[in-house]
Amino acid sequence: MAKEVYGGFGKNIFNPAIAGRLFVYISFPGIMTGSIMNYGSFGSDISLITSATPLDAIRNGVNPDLFSLLFGLRTGAMGESMSFLIILSALYLIISKTANFRLILSTLLSAAVMTVFFDLLNLSRSIDTPAAMLSGSLLFVSVFMVTDPVSAPKNIKAQWLYGIIVGTTTILIRTFSLFSEGTSFGVLIGNTFASLLDEFLSKKKAVS
């Protein structure tokens, strides 16, 4: 639905991975956050039990260890917990010009500014800035999802605004909604405005 209805790869306006994740996240929140899976059928007696992520713990007044957040010694979805490796990946992608640094930088900076602003207001559900940047999927999404060349804008000015939309939306949802995480919503809303930003900020061709 997020890809084929728009004509297939290269023509989709929404990031298919984010759209699919949000569908599961909203439709089955209980199963996604509190399920127990038993792998006894594979000949072992190992069970995996989900627990509170750092964002949930922070909302309950528990301050996470920044060392654990940086080096992945905490709960969370696979791939998003090792912040140190994600930062190294971002540097590699930027240096190799595989990812657009403007998209990554604008997303992270706007999220950091919004977090600091809410901290100054002493909002009850606000998160300390270092913990907010290293918790959840903010780093992962900023590096690997926001930089999607198909659904992100192409204009340079539009890319800065696009990242700001994603970053601020993420923190707004984290702070004021029932959802602990807001990155997927931020990307989807950013996708909605990407083509409009490109159109409005593109230089008009001179009429001969």
N, C-alpha and C. Protein backbone atom coordinates (compact mmCIF):
# COMPACT_ATOMS: atom_id res chain seq x y z
N MET A 1 0.82 -1.21 0.00
CA MET A 1 0.00 0.00 0.00
C MET A 1 0.86 1.26 0.00
N ALA A 2 2.02 1.20 0.62
CA ALA A 2 2.87 2.40 0.69
C ALA A 2 3.78 2.53 -0.52
N LYS A 3 3.91 1.47 -1.31
CA LYS A 3 4.82 1.51 -2.45
C LYS A 3 4.11 1.27 -3.78
N GLU A 4 3.45 0.13 -3.92
CA GLU A 4 2.92 -0.27 -5.22
C GLU A 4 1.79 0.62 -5.73
N VAL A 5 0.96 1.14 -4.82
CA VAL A 5 -0.17 1.96 -5.27
C VAL A 5 0.29 3.27 -5.90
N TYR A 6 1.56 3.65 -5.65
CA TYR A 6 2.08 4.88 -6.24
C TYR A 6 2.92 4.61 -7.49
N GLY A 7 3.01 3.34 -7.88
CA GLY A 7 3.74 3.01 -9.09
C GLY A 7 4.99 2.19 -8.87
N GLY A 8 5.24 1.75 -7.63
CA GLY A 8 6.39 0.91 -7.37
C GLY A 8 7.59 1.69 -6.88
N PHE A 9 8.74 1.00 -6.82
CA PHE A 9 9.97 1.58 -6.28
C PHE A 9 10.38 2.82 -7.07
N GLY A 10 10.74 3.85 -6.35
CA GLY A 10 11.18 5.10 -6.98
C GLY A 10 10.07 6.11 -7.16
N LYS A 11 8.82 5.67 -6.96
CA LYS A 11 7.69 6.57 -7.13
C LYS A 11 6.87 6.75 -5.85
N ASN A 12 7.20 5.97 -4.82
CA ASN A 12 6.44 6.04 -3.57
C ASN A 12 6.77 7.32 -2.83
N ILE A 13 5.75 7.94 -2.26
CA ILE A 13 5.97 9.18 -1.51
C ILE A 13 6.18 8.91 -0.03
N PHE A 14 5.79 7.73 0.44
CA PHE A 14 5.99 7.36 1.83
C PHE A 14 7.04 6.25 1.93
N ASN A 15 7.82 6.30 2.98
CA ASN A 15 8.81 5.26 3.22
C ASN A 15 8.07 3.95 3.55
N PRO A 16 8.20 2.91 2.72
CA PRO A 16 7.44 1.67 2.93
C PRO A 16 7.74 1.00 4.26
N ALA A 17 9.01 1.01 4.69
CA ALA A 17 9.37 0.37 5.96
C ALA A 17 8.71 1.08 7.13
N ILE A 18 8.70 2.41 7.11
CA ILE A 18 8.08 3.18 8.19
C ILE A 18 6.57 2.97 8.18
N ALA A 19 5.96 2.98 7.00
CA ALA A 19 4.51 2.78 6.91
C ALA A 19 4.12 1.41 7.45
N GLY A 20 4.89 0.38 7.11
CA GLY A 20 4.60 -0.96 7.61
C GLY A 20 4.78 -1.06 9.12
N ARG A 21 5.83 -0.43 9.63
CA ARG A 21 6.08 -0.47 11.07
C ARG A 21 4.97 0.24 11.84
N LEU A 22 4.51 1.38 11.33
CA LEU A 22 3.44 2.11 12.01
C LEU A 22 2.13 1.33 12.01
N PHE A 23 1.87 0.62 10.91
CA PHE A 23 0.65 -0.19 10.85
C PHE A 23 0.65 -1.24 11.96
N VAL A 24 1.77 -1.94 12.11
CA VAL A 24 1.88 -2.97 13.16
C VAL A 24 1.89 -2.33 14.54
N TYR A 25 2.60 -1.21 14.67
CA TYR A 25 2.76 -0.53 15.96
C TYR A 25 1.42 -0.04 16.50
N ILE A 26 0.57 0.51 15.61
CA ILE A 26 -0.72 1.05 16.04
C ILE A 26 -1.77 -0.06 16.17
N SER A 27 -1.73 -1.04 15.28
CA SER A 27 -2.75 -2.09 15.28
C SER A 27 -2.57 -3.09 16.41
N PHE A 28 -1.32 -3.38 16.77
CA PHE A 28 -1.06 -4.40 17.78
C PHE A 28 -0.10 -3.89 18.86
N PRO A 29 -0.46 -2.82 19.57
CA PRO A 29 0.48 -2.23 20.54
C PRO A 29 0.79 -3.16 21.72
N GLY A 30 -0.21 -3.91 22.17
CA GLY A 30 0.01 -4.80 23.31
C GLY A 30 0.98 -5.92 22.97
N ILE A 31 0.79 -6.53 21.81
CA ILE A 31 1.67 -7.63 21.40
C ILE A 31 3.08 -7.12 21.14
N MET A 32 3.19 -5.92 20.58
CA MET A 32 4.50 -5.38 20.24
C MET A 32 5.32 -5.00 21.48
N THR A 33 4.65 -4.68 22.58
CA THR A 33 5.38 -4.20 23.75
C THR A 33 5.37 -5.15 24.94
N GLY A 34 4.61 -6.26 24.87
CA GLY A 34 4.55 -7.11 26.06
C GLY A 34 4.42 -8.58 25.76
N SER A 35 4.95 -9.05 24.64
CA SER A 35 4.75 -10.45 24.26
C SER A 35 5.87 -11.33 24.80
N ILE A 36 5.59 -12.62 24.90
CA ILE A 36 6.57 -13.62 25.29
C ILE A 36 6.62 -14.67 24.19
N MET A 37 7.82 -14.92 23.66
CA MET A 37 7.98 -15.88 22.57
C MET A 37 8.83 -17.04 23.05
N ASN A 38 8.34 -18.25 22.88
CA ASN A 38 9.06 -19.44 23.31
C ASN A 38 9.62 -20.16 22.10
N TYR A 39 10.89 -20.53 22.17
CA TYR A 39 11.55 -21.19 21.06
C TYR A 39 11.82 -22.67 21.37
N GLY A 40 10.96 -23.28 22.19
CA GLY A 40 11.15 -24.67 22.53
C GLY A 40 11.10 -25.60 21.34
N SER A 41 10.35 -25.22 20.28
CA SER A 41 10.23 -26.07 19.11
C SER A 41 11.56 -26.24 18.38
N PHE A 42 12.53 -25.36 18.67
CA PHE A 42 13.84 -25.45 18.03
C PHE A 42 14.82 -26.26 18.86
N GLY A 43 14.30 -26.94 19.90
CA GLY A 43 15.16 -27.80 20.68
C GLY A 43 15.79 -27.13 21.89
N SER A 44 15.40 -25.91 22.19
CA SER A 44 15.95 -25.22 23.35
C SER A 44 14.80 -24.73 24.21
N ASP A 45 15.12 -24.33 25.41
CA ASP A 45 14.11 -23.87 26.35
C ASP A 45 14.26 -22.37 26.61
N ILE A 46 14.73 -21.63 25.60
CA ILE A 46 14.97 -20.20 25.74
C ILE A 46 13.70 -19.42 25.45
N SER A 47 13.40 -18.47 26.28
CA SER A 47 12.26 -17.58 26.07
C SER A 47 12.76 -16.14 26.05
N LEU A 48 12.13 -15.32 25.23
CA LEU A 48 12.45 -13.90 25.18
C LEU A 48 11.30 -13.12 25.77
N ILE A 49 11.58 -12.30 26.76
CA ILE A 49 10.54 -11.52 27.42
C ILE A 49 10.85 -10.04 27.22
N THR A 50 9.93 -9.30 26.61
CA THR A 50 10.16 -7.89 26.39
C THR A 50 10.02 -7.13 27.70
N SER A 51 10.76 -6.03 27.82
CA SER A 51 10.68 -5.20 29.02
C SER A 51 10.65 -3.74 28.60
N ALA A 52 10.57 -2.85 29.58
CA ALA A 52 10.45 -1.44 29.28
C ALA A 52 11.69 -0.92 28.56
N THR A 53 11.47 -0.15 27.52
CA THR A 53 12.57 0.48 26.81
C THR A 53 13.04 1.69 27.62
N PRO A 54 14.21 2.25 27.29
CA PRO A 54 14.67 3.43 28.02
C PRO A 54 13.68 4.58 28.00
N LEU A 55 12.96 4.77 26.89
CA LEU A 55 11.99 5.86 26.83
C LEU A 55 10.86 5.64 27.82
N ASP A 56 10.41 4.40 27.94
CA ASP A 56 9.36 4.09 28.92
C ASP A 56 9.88 4.27 30.34
N ALA A 57 11.13 3.86 30.57
CA ALA A 57 11.72 3.99 31.90
C ALA A 57 11.87 5.46 32.28
N ILE A 58 12.28 6.28 31.33
CA ILE A 58 12.46 7.71 31.59
C ILE A 58 11.13 8.34 31.96
N ARG A 59 10.06 7.94 31.28
CA ARG A 59 8.74 8.48 31.58
C ARG A 59 8.29 8.13 32.99
N ASN A 60 8.83 7.02 33.51
CA ASN A 60 8.48 6.60 34.86
C ASN A 60 9.45 7.13 35.91
N GLY A 61 10.31 8.06 35.50
CA GLY A 61 11.21 8.70 36.44
C GLY A 61 12.54 8.01 36.65
N VAL A 62 12.86 7.01 35.82
CA VAL A 62 14.13 6.30 35.95
C VAL A 62 15.15 6.91 34.99
N ASN A 63 16.28 7.34 35.53
CA ASN A 63 17.32 7.93 34.70
C ASN A 63 18.25 6.84 34.17
N PRO A 64 18.34 6.67 32.85
CA PRO A 64 19.18 5.61 32.29
C PRO A 64 20.66 5.97 32.35
N ASP A 65 21.48 4.94 32.31
CA ASP A 65 22.92 5.12 32.27
C ASP A 65 23.33 5.45 30.84
N LEU A 66 23.97 6.62 30.65
CA LEU A 66 24.33 7.06 29.30
C LEU A 66 25.34 6.12 28.65
N PHE A 67 26.20 5.50 29.45
CA PHE A 67 27.15 4.52 28.90
C PHE A 67 26.40 3.34 28.29
N SER A 68 25.38 2.87 28.99
CA SER A 68 24.58 1.76 28.48
C SER A 68 23.83 2.15 27.22
N LEU A 69 23.34 3.38 27.18
CA LEU A 69 22.63 3.86 25.99
C LEU A 69 23.58 3.97 24.80
N LEU A 70 24.79 4.40 25.04
CA LEU A 70 25.75 4.61 23.95
C LEU A 70 26.25 3.30 23.37
N PHE A 71 26.45 2.29 24.22
CA PHE A 71 27.04 1.04 23.75
C PHE A 71 26.05 -0.12 23.70
N GLY A 72 24.76 0.18 23.72
CA GLY A 72 23.75 -0.84 23.47
C GLY A 72 23.48 -1.80 24.60
N LEU A 73 23.84 -1.45 25.83
CA LEU A 73 23.59 -2.33 26.97
C LEU A 73 22.24 -2.01 27.58
N ARG A 74 21.21 -2.10 26.75
CA ARG A 74 19.85 -1.77 27.20
C ARG A 74 18.86 -2.45 26.27
N THR A 75 17.58 -2.43 26.68
CA THR A 75 16.54 -3.05 25.86
C THR A 75 16.19 -2.14 24.69
N GLY A 76 15.55 -2.72 23.69
CA GLY A 76 15.16 -1.95 22.52
C GLY A 76 15.15 -2.82 21.29
N ALA A 77 14.64 -2.29 20.20
CA ALA A 77 14.56 -3.04 18.95
C ALA A 77 15.96 -3.31 18.41
N MET A 78 16.12 -4.45 17.74
CA MET A 78 17.41 -4.81 17.19
C MET A 78 17.86 -3.76 16.17
N GLY A 79 19.09 -3.31 16.28
CA GLY A 79 19.63 -2.34 15.34
C GLY A 79 19.62 -0.92 15.84
N GLU A 80 18.74 -0.61 16.79
CA GLU A 80 18.64 0.77 17.26
C GLU A 80 19.35 1.01 18.57
N SER A 81 19.75 -0.05 19.27
CA SER A 81 20.27 0.11 20.62
C SER A 81 21.75 0.47 20.67
N MET A 82 22.54 0.07 19.67
CA MET A 82 23.97 0.35 19.67
C MET A 82 24.22 1.73 19.05
N SER A 83 24.06 2.76 19.86
CA SER A 83 24.19 4.14 19.37
C SER A 83 25.59 4.43 18.82
N PHE A 84 26.60 3.86 19.46
CA PHE A 84 27.99 4.10 19.04
C PHE A 84 28.21 3.65 17.60
N LEU A 85 27.72 2.47 17.25
CA LEU A 85 27.88 1.96 15.90
C LEU A 85 27.07 2.76 14.89
N ILE A 86 25.91 3.24 15.31
CA ILE A 86 25.09 4.06 14.41
C ILE A 86 25.80 5.37 14.10
N ILE A 87 26.45 5.96 15.10
CA ILE A 87 27.20 7.20 14.88
C ILE A 87 28.35 6.96 13.91
N LEU A 88 29.07 5.84 14.08
CA LEU A 88 30.14 5.50 13.15
C LEU A 88 29.60 5.28 11.75
N SER A 89 28.45 4.63 11.65
CA SER A 89 27.83 4.41 10.35
C SER A 89 27.46 5.72 9.68
N ALA A 90 26.96 6.67 10.49
CA ALA A 90 26.60 7.98 9.94
C ALA A 90 27.82 8.69 9.37
N LEU A 91 28.93 8.62 10.09
CA LEU A 91 30.16 9.26 9.61
C LEU A 91 30.62 8.62 8.30
N TYR A 92 30.54 7.30 8.22
CA TYR A 92 30.94 6.61 6.99
C TYR A 92 30.04 6.98 5.82
N LEU A 93 28.73 6.99 6.05
CA LEU A 93 27.79 7.30 4.98
C LEU A 93 27.94 8.74 4.49
N ILE A 94 28.24 9.65 5.42
CA ILE A 94 28.42 11.05 5.04
C ILE A 94 29.73 11.23 4.26
N ILE A 95 30.82 10.64 4.76
CA ILE A 95 32.13 10.76 4.10
C ILE A 95 32.09 10.13 2.71
N SER A 96 31.41 9.00 2.58
CA SER A 96 31.32 8.33 1.28
C SER A 96 30.23 8.93 0.39
N LYS A 97 29.55 9.96 0.90
CA LYS A 97 28.49 10.66 0.18
C LYS A 97 27.34 9.73 -0.20
N THR A 98 27.14 8.72 0.63
CA THR A 98 26.00 7.82 0.43
C THR A 98 24.74 8.40 1.03
N ALA A 99 24.88 9.11 2.16
CA ALA A 99 23.75 9.74 2.84
C ALA A 99 23.95 11.26 2.85
N ASN A 100 22.84 11.98 2.86
CA ASN A 100 22.88 13.44 2.85
C ASN A 100 23.03 13.95 4.28
N PHE A 101 24.11 14.67 4.55
CA PHE A 101 24.38 15.14 5.91
C PHE A 101 23.35 16.16 6.37
N ARG A 102 22.75 16.91 5.43
CA ARG A 102 21.77 17.93 5.81
C ARG A 102 20.54 17.29 6.44
N LEU A 103 20.11 16.16 5.93
CA LEU A 103 18.95 15.47 6.47
C LEU A 103 19.22 14.94 7.87
N ILE A 104 20.39 14.35 8.06
CA ILE A 104 20.75 13.81 9.39
C ILE A 104 20.92 14.94 10.40
N LEU A 105 21.67 15.96 10.02
CA LEU A 105 21.99 17.04 10.94
C LEU A 105 20.74 17.83 11.34
N SER A 106 19.90 18.16 10.37
CA SER A 106 18.70 18.95 10.68
C SER A 106 17.73 18.19 11.56
N THR A 107 17.63 16.88 11.36
CA THR A 107 16.74 16.05 12.20
C THR A 107 17.24 16.00 13.63
N LEU A 108 18.52 15.72 13.82
CA LEU A 108 19.07 15.59 15.17
C LEU A 108 19.13 16.93 15.89
N LEU A 109 19.51 17.99 15.19
CA LEU A 109 19.61 19.31 15.83
C LEU A 109 18.23 19.82 16.25
N SER A 110 17.24 19.67 15.39
CA SER A 110 15.89 20.14 15.73
C SER A 110 15.32 19.33 16.89
N ALA A 111 15.59 18.03 16.91
CA ALA A 111 15.13 17.20 18.04
C ALA A 111 15.82 17.63 19.34
N ALA A 112 17.11 17.93 19.27
CA ALA A 112 17.84 18.36 20.45
C ALA A 112 17.33 19.71 20.96
N VAL A 113 17.08 20.64 20.05
CA VAL A 113 16.59 21.97 20.43
C VAL A 113 15.22 21.86 21.09
N MET A 114 14.34 21.05 20.52
CA MET A 114 13.01 20.88 21.10
C MET A 114 13.09 20.24 22.48
N THR A 115 13.98 19.28 22.65
CA THR A 115 14.13 18.61 23.94
C THR A 115 14.64 19.57 25.00
N VAL A 116 15.63 20.38 24.65
CA VAL A 116 16.16 21.39 25.58
C VAL A 116 15.06 22.38 25.95
N PHE A 117 14.28 22.79 24.96
CA PHE A 117 13.19 23.75 25.21
C PHE A 117 12.18 23.18 26.20
N PHE A 118 11.79 21.93 26.01
CA PHE A 118 10.83 21.31 26.93
C PHE A 118 11.44 21.07 28.30
N ASP A 119 12.75 20.80 28.35
CA ASP A 119 13.43 20.66 29.64
C ASP A 119 13.37 21.97 30.42
N LEU A 120 13.59 23.08 29.72
CA LEU A 120 13.55 24.39 30.38
C LEU A 120 12.16 24.71 30.91
N LEU A 121 11.13 24.19 30.23
CA LEU A 121 9.76 24.40 30.68
C LEU A 121 9.36 23.44 31.80
N ASN A 122 10.25 22.49 32.10
CA ASN A 122 9.98 21.50 33.17
C ASN A 122 8.70 20.72 32.94
N LEU A 123 8.47 20.32 31.70
CA LEU A 123 7.30 19.49 31.41
C LEU A 123 7.49 18.12 32.04
N SER A 124 6.43 17.59 32.58
CA SER A 124 6.52 16.34 33.34
C SER A 124 6.96 15.16 32.49
N ARG A 125 6.67 15.21 31.18
CA ARG A 125 6.99 14.06 30.34
C ARG A 125 8.17 14.36 29.41
N SER A 126 8.86 15.45 29.68
CA SER A 126 10.03 15.77 28.87
C SER A 126 11.20 14.86 29.26
N ILE A 127 12.17 14.73 28.35
CA ILE A 127 13.30 13.83 28.54
C ILE A 127 14.58 14.63 28.49
N ASP A 128 15.54 14.28 29.35
CA ASP A 128 16.84 14.94 29.30
C ASP A 128 17.43 14.80 27.91
N THR A 129 18.10 15.84 27.44
CA THR A 129 18.58 15.87 26.06
C THR A 129 19.54 14.72 25.73
N PRO A 130 20.60 14.45 26.51
CA PRO A 130 21.49 13.34 26.16
C PRO A 130 20.76 12.00 26.07
N ALA A 131 19.86 11.75 27.03
CA ALA A 131 19.11 10.50 27.02
C ALA A 131 18.16 10.44 25.83
N ALA A 132 17.56 11.57 25.49
CA ALA A 132 16.62 11.61 24.37
C ALA A 132 17.31 11.31 23.05
N MET A 133 18.52 11.79 22.88
CA MET A 133 19.24 11.58 21.63
C MET A 133 19.73 10.14 21.48
N LEU A 134 19.97 9.47 22.60
CA LEU A 134 20.52 8.10 22.56
C LEU A 134 19.46 7.03 22.79
N SER A 135 18.24 7.43 23.15
CA SER A 135 17.18 6.46 23.44
C SER A 135 16.29 6.28 22.22
N GLY A 136 15.58 5.15 22.23
CA GLY A 136 14.64 4.90 21.15
C GLY A 136 15.35 4.73 19.82
N SER A 137 14.66 5.10 18.76
CA SER A 137 15.20 4.90 17.40
C SER A 137 15.57 6.21 16.74
N LEU A 138 15.77 7.29 17.50
CA LEU A 138 16.04 8.60 16.92
C LEU A 138 17.30 8.59 16.06
N LEU A 139 18.39 8.04 16.60
CA LEU A 139 19.63 7.98 15.83
C LEU A 139 19.49 7.09 14.61
N PHE A 140 18.90 5.91 14.80
CA PHE A 140 18.74 4.96 13.70
C PHE A 140 17.91 5.55 12.58
N VAL A 141 16.78 6.15 12.93
CA VAL A 141 15.89 6.72 11.92
C VAL A 141 16.54 7.91 11.23
N SER A 142 17.26 8.75 11.98
CA SER A 142 17.91 9.92 11.40
C SER A 142 18.97 9.53 10.37
N VAL A 143 19.64 8.42 10.62
CA VAL A 143 20.73 8.00 9.74
C VAL A 143 20.25 7.16 8.57
N PHE A 144 19.32 6.22 8.83
CA PHE A 144 18.97 5.24 7.82
C PHE A 144 17.58 5.42 7.19
N MET A 145 16.68 6.16 7.82
CA MET A 145 15.33 6.33 7.30
C MET A 145 15.07 7.72 6.73
N VAL A 146 15.49 8.73 7.44
CA VAL A 146 15.28 10.10 6.97
C VAL A 146 16.04 10.35 5.67
N THR A 147 17.16 9.65 5.49
CA THR A 147 18.01 9.84 4.31
C THR A 147 17.56 9.04 3.10
N ASP A 148 16.42 8.39 3.18
CA ASP A 148 15.89 7.64 2.04
C ASP A 148 15.78 8.56 0.83
N PRO A 149 16.51 8.30 -0.26
CA PRO A 149 16.53 9.23 -1.40
C PRO A 149 15.21 9.33 -2.16
N VAL A 150 14.35 8.33 -2.01
CA VAL A 150 13.09 8.34 -2.76
C VAL A 150 12.06 9.24 -2.09
N SER A 151 11.88 9.09 -0.78
CA SER A 151 10.82 9.82 -0.08
C SER A 151 11.28 11.15 0.51
N ALA A 152 12.58 11.43 0.50
CA ALA A 152 13.10 12.69 1.02
C ALA A 152 13.13 13.74 -0.10
N PRO A 153 13.08 15.02 0.24
CA PRO A 153 13.14 16.07 -0.78
C PRO A 153 14.51 16.15 -1.43
N LYS A 154 14.57 16.74 -2.62
CA LYS A 154 15.82 16.86 -3.38
C LYS A 154 16.43 18.25 -3.26
N ASN A 155 15.60 19.27 -3.04
CA ASN A 155 16.08 20.63 -2.91
C ASN A 155 16.86 20.82 -1.60
N ILE A 156 17.96 21.58 -1.66
CA ILE A 156 18.81 21.74 -0.48
C ILE A 156 18.06 22.42 0.67
N LYS A 157 17.37 23.52 0.40
CA LYS A 157 16.62 24.20 1.44
C LYS A 157 15.50 23.31 1.98
N ALA A 158 14.88 22.58 1.07
CA ALA A 158 13.80 21.68 1.47
C ALA A 158 14.30 20.58 2.39
N GLN A 159 15.53 20.12 2.19
CA GLN A 159 16.10 19.07 3.03
C GLN A 159 16.27 19.53 4.47
N TRP A 160 16.69 20.78 4.65
CA TRP A 160 16.81 21.32 6.01
C TRP A 160 15.45 21.39 6.69
N LEU A 161 14.45 21.89 5.97
CA LEU A 161 13.10 22.00 6.54
C LEU A 161 12.50 20.63 6.80
N TYR A 162 12.78 19.70 5.92
CA TYR A 162 12.29 18.33 6.07
C TYR A 162 12.80 17.71 7.36
N GLY A 163 14.11 17.86 7.61
CA GLY A 163 14.68 17.33 8.85
C GLY A 163 14.10 17.99 10.08
N ILE A 164 13.85 19.29 9.98
CA ILE A 164 13.24 20.02 11.11
C ILE A 164 11.84 19.48 11.40
N ILE A 165 11.08 19.21 10.36
CA ILE A 165 9.73 18.66 10.54
C ILE A 165 9.81 17.31 11.23
N VAL A 166 10.70 16.44 10.78
CA VAL A 166 10.82 15.11 11.38
C VAL A 166 11.29 15.20 12.83
N GLY A 167 12.30 16.01 13.09
CA GLY A 167 12.84 16.12 14.44
C GLY A 167 11.88 16.71 15.44
N THR A 168 11.22 17.80 15.07
CA THR A 168 10.29 18.45 16.00
C THR A 168 9.04 17.59 16.22
N THR A 169 8.55 16.97 15.16
CA THR A 169 7.38 16.10 15.31
C THR A 169 7.68 14.93 16.24
N THR A 170 8.86 14.36 16.10
CA THR A 170 9.26 13.25 16.96
C THR A 170 9.22 13.63 18.43
N ILE A 171 9.79 14.77 18.78
CA ILE A 171 9.83 15.18 20.18
C ILE A 171 8.45 15.60 20.68
N LEU A 172 7.65 16.22 19.84
CA LEU A 172 6.29 16.58 20.23
C LEU A 172 5.47 15.34 20.59
N ILE A 173 5.60 14.30 19.78
CA ILE A 173 4.84 13.07 20.03
C ILE A 173 5.39 12.36 21.27
N ARG A 174 6.72 12.34 21.41
CA ARG A 174 7.32 11.74 22.60
C ARG A 174 6.84 12.42 23.88
N THR A 175 6.66 13.73 23.82
CA THR A 175 6.36 14.51 25.02
C THR A 175 4.88 14.53 25.36
N PHE A 176 4.02 14.65 24.35
CA PHE A 176 2.61 14.91 24.63
C PHE A 176 1.65 13.76 24.30
N SER A 177 2.10 12.73 23.59
CA SER A 177 1.19 11.66 23.21
C SER A 177 1.33 10.46 24.13
N LEU A 178 0.51 9.44 23.90
CA LEU A 178 0.59 8.21 24.68
C LEU A 178 1.73 7.32 24.20
N PHE A 179 2.26 7.60 22.99
CA PHE A 179 3.34 6.80 22.44
C PHE A 179 4.69 7.27 23.00
N SER A 180 5.50 6.33 23.46
CA SER A 180 6.82 6.70 23.97
C SER A 180 7.75 7.14 22.85
N GLU A 181 7.59 6.53 21.68
CA GLU A 181 8.44 6.84 20.53
C GLU A 181 7.65 7.63 19.50
N GLY A 182 8.33 8.50 18.75
CA GLY A 182 7.63 9.31 17.76
C GLY A 182 8.34 9.43 16.43
N THR A 183 9.46 8.68 16.27
CA THR A 183 10.25 8.83 15.06
C THR A 183 9.51 8.39 13.80
N SER A 184 8.79 7.29 13.87
CA SER A 184 8.07 6.81 12.69
C SER A 184 7.00 7.80 12.26
N PHE A 185 6.29 8.38 13.23
CA PHE A 185 5.29 9.39 12.91
C PHE A 185 5.96 10.61 12.29
N GLY A 186 7.12 10.99 12.83
CA GLY A 186 7.84 12.14 12.30
C GLY A 186 8.24 11.95 10.85
N VAL A 187 8.75 10.76 10.52
CA VAL A 187 9.16 10.49 9.14
C VAL A 187 7.96 10.49 8.21
N LEU A 188 6.86 9.88 8.64
CA LEU A 188 5.67 9.81 7.78
C LEU A 188 5.10 11.20 7.52
N ILE A 189 5.08 12.05 8.54
CA ILE A 189 4.61 13.41 8.35
C ILE A 189 5.58 14.18 7.46
N GLY A 190 6.88 13.96 7.65
CA GLY A 190 7.86 14.59 6.78
C GLY A 190 7.70 14.16 5.34
N ASN A 191 7.42 12.86 5.11
CA ASN A 191 7.17 12.37 3.75
C ASN A 191 6.00 13.09 3.10
N THR A 192 4.99 13.40 3.90
CA THR A 192 3.80 14.06 3.37
C THR A 192 4.13 15.42 2.76
N PHE A 193 5.10 16.12 3.37
CA PHE A 193 5.42 17.47 2.91
C PHE A 193 6.64 17.54 2.00
N ALA A 194 7.32 16.42 1.78
CA ALA A 194 8.57 16.43 1.02
C ALA A 194 8.40 16.99 -0.39
N SER A 195 7.45 16.48 -1.12
CA SER A 195 7.27 16.95 -2.51
C SER A 195 6.79 18.39 -2.55
N LEU A 196 5.99 18.80 -1.57
CA LEU A 196 5.53 20.19 -1.52
C LEU A 196 6.70 21.13 -1.23
N LEU A 197 7.60 20.73 -0.35
CA LEU A 197 8.78 21.53 -0.05
C LEU A 197 9.66 21.68 -1.28
N ASP A 198 9.82 20.59 -2.02
CA ASP A 198 10.61 20.66 -3.26
C ASP A 198 9.98 21.63 -4.26
N GLU A 199 8.67 21.57 -4.36
CA GLU A 199 7.98 22.41 -5.34
C GLU A 199 8.03 23.89 -4.95
N PHE A 200 7.81 24.20 -3.68
CA PHE A 200 7.75 25.58 -3.24
C PHE A 200 9.13 26.24 -3.17
N LEU A 201 10.17 25.45 -2.91
CA LEU A 201 11.49 26.02 -2.73
C LEU A 201 12.40 25.91 -3.94
N SER A 202 11.90 25.26 -4.99
CA SER A 202 12.70 25.16 -6.21
C SER A 202 12.76 26.51 -6.91
N LYS A 203 13.90 26.78 -7.54
CA LYS A 203 14.05 28.04 -8.25
C LYS A 203 13.18 28.05 -9.50
N LYS A 204 12.46 29.16 -9.68
CA LYS A 204 11.60 29.30 -10.84
C LYS A 204 12.45 29.55 -12.09
N LYS A 205 12.14 28.84 -13.14
CA LYS A 205 12.86 29.06 -14.41
C LYS A 205 12.42 30.36 -15.05
N ALA A 206 13.39 31.08 -15.54
CA ALA A 206 13.07 32.36 -16.19
C ALA A 206 12.36 32.12 -17.51
N VAL A 207 11.34 32.91 -17.76
CA VAL A 207 10.56 32.79 -18.99
C VAL A 207 11.26 33.57 -20.09
N SER A 208 11.60 32.89 -21.18
CA SER A 208 12.31 33.57 -22.28
C SER A 208 11.36 34.35 -23.15
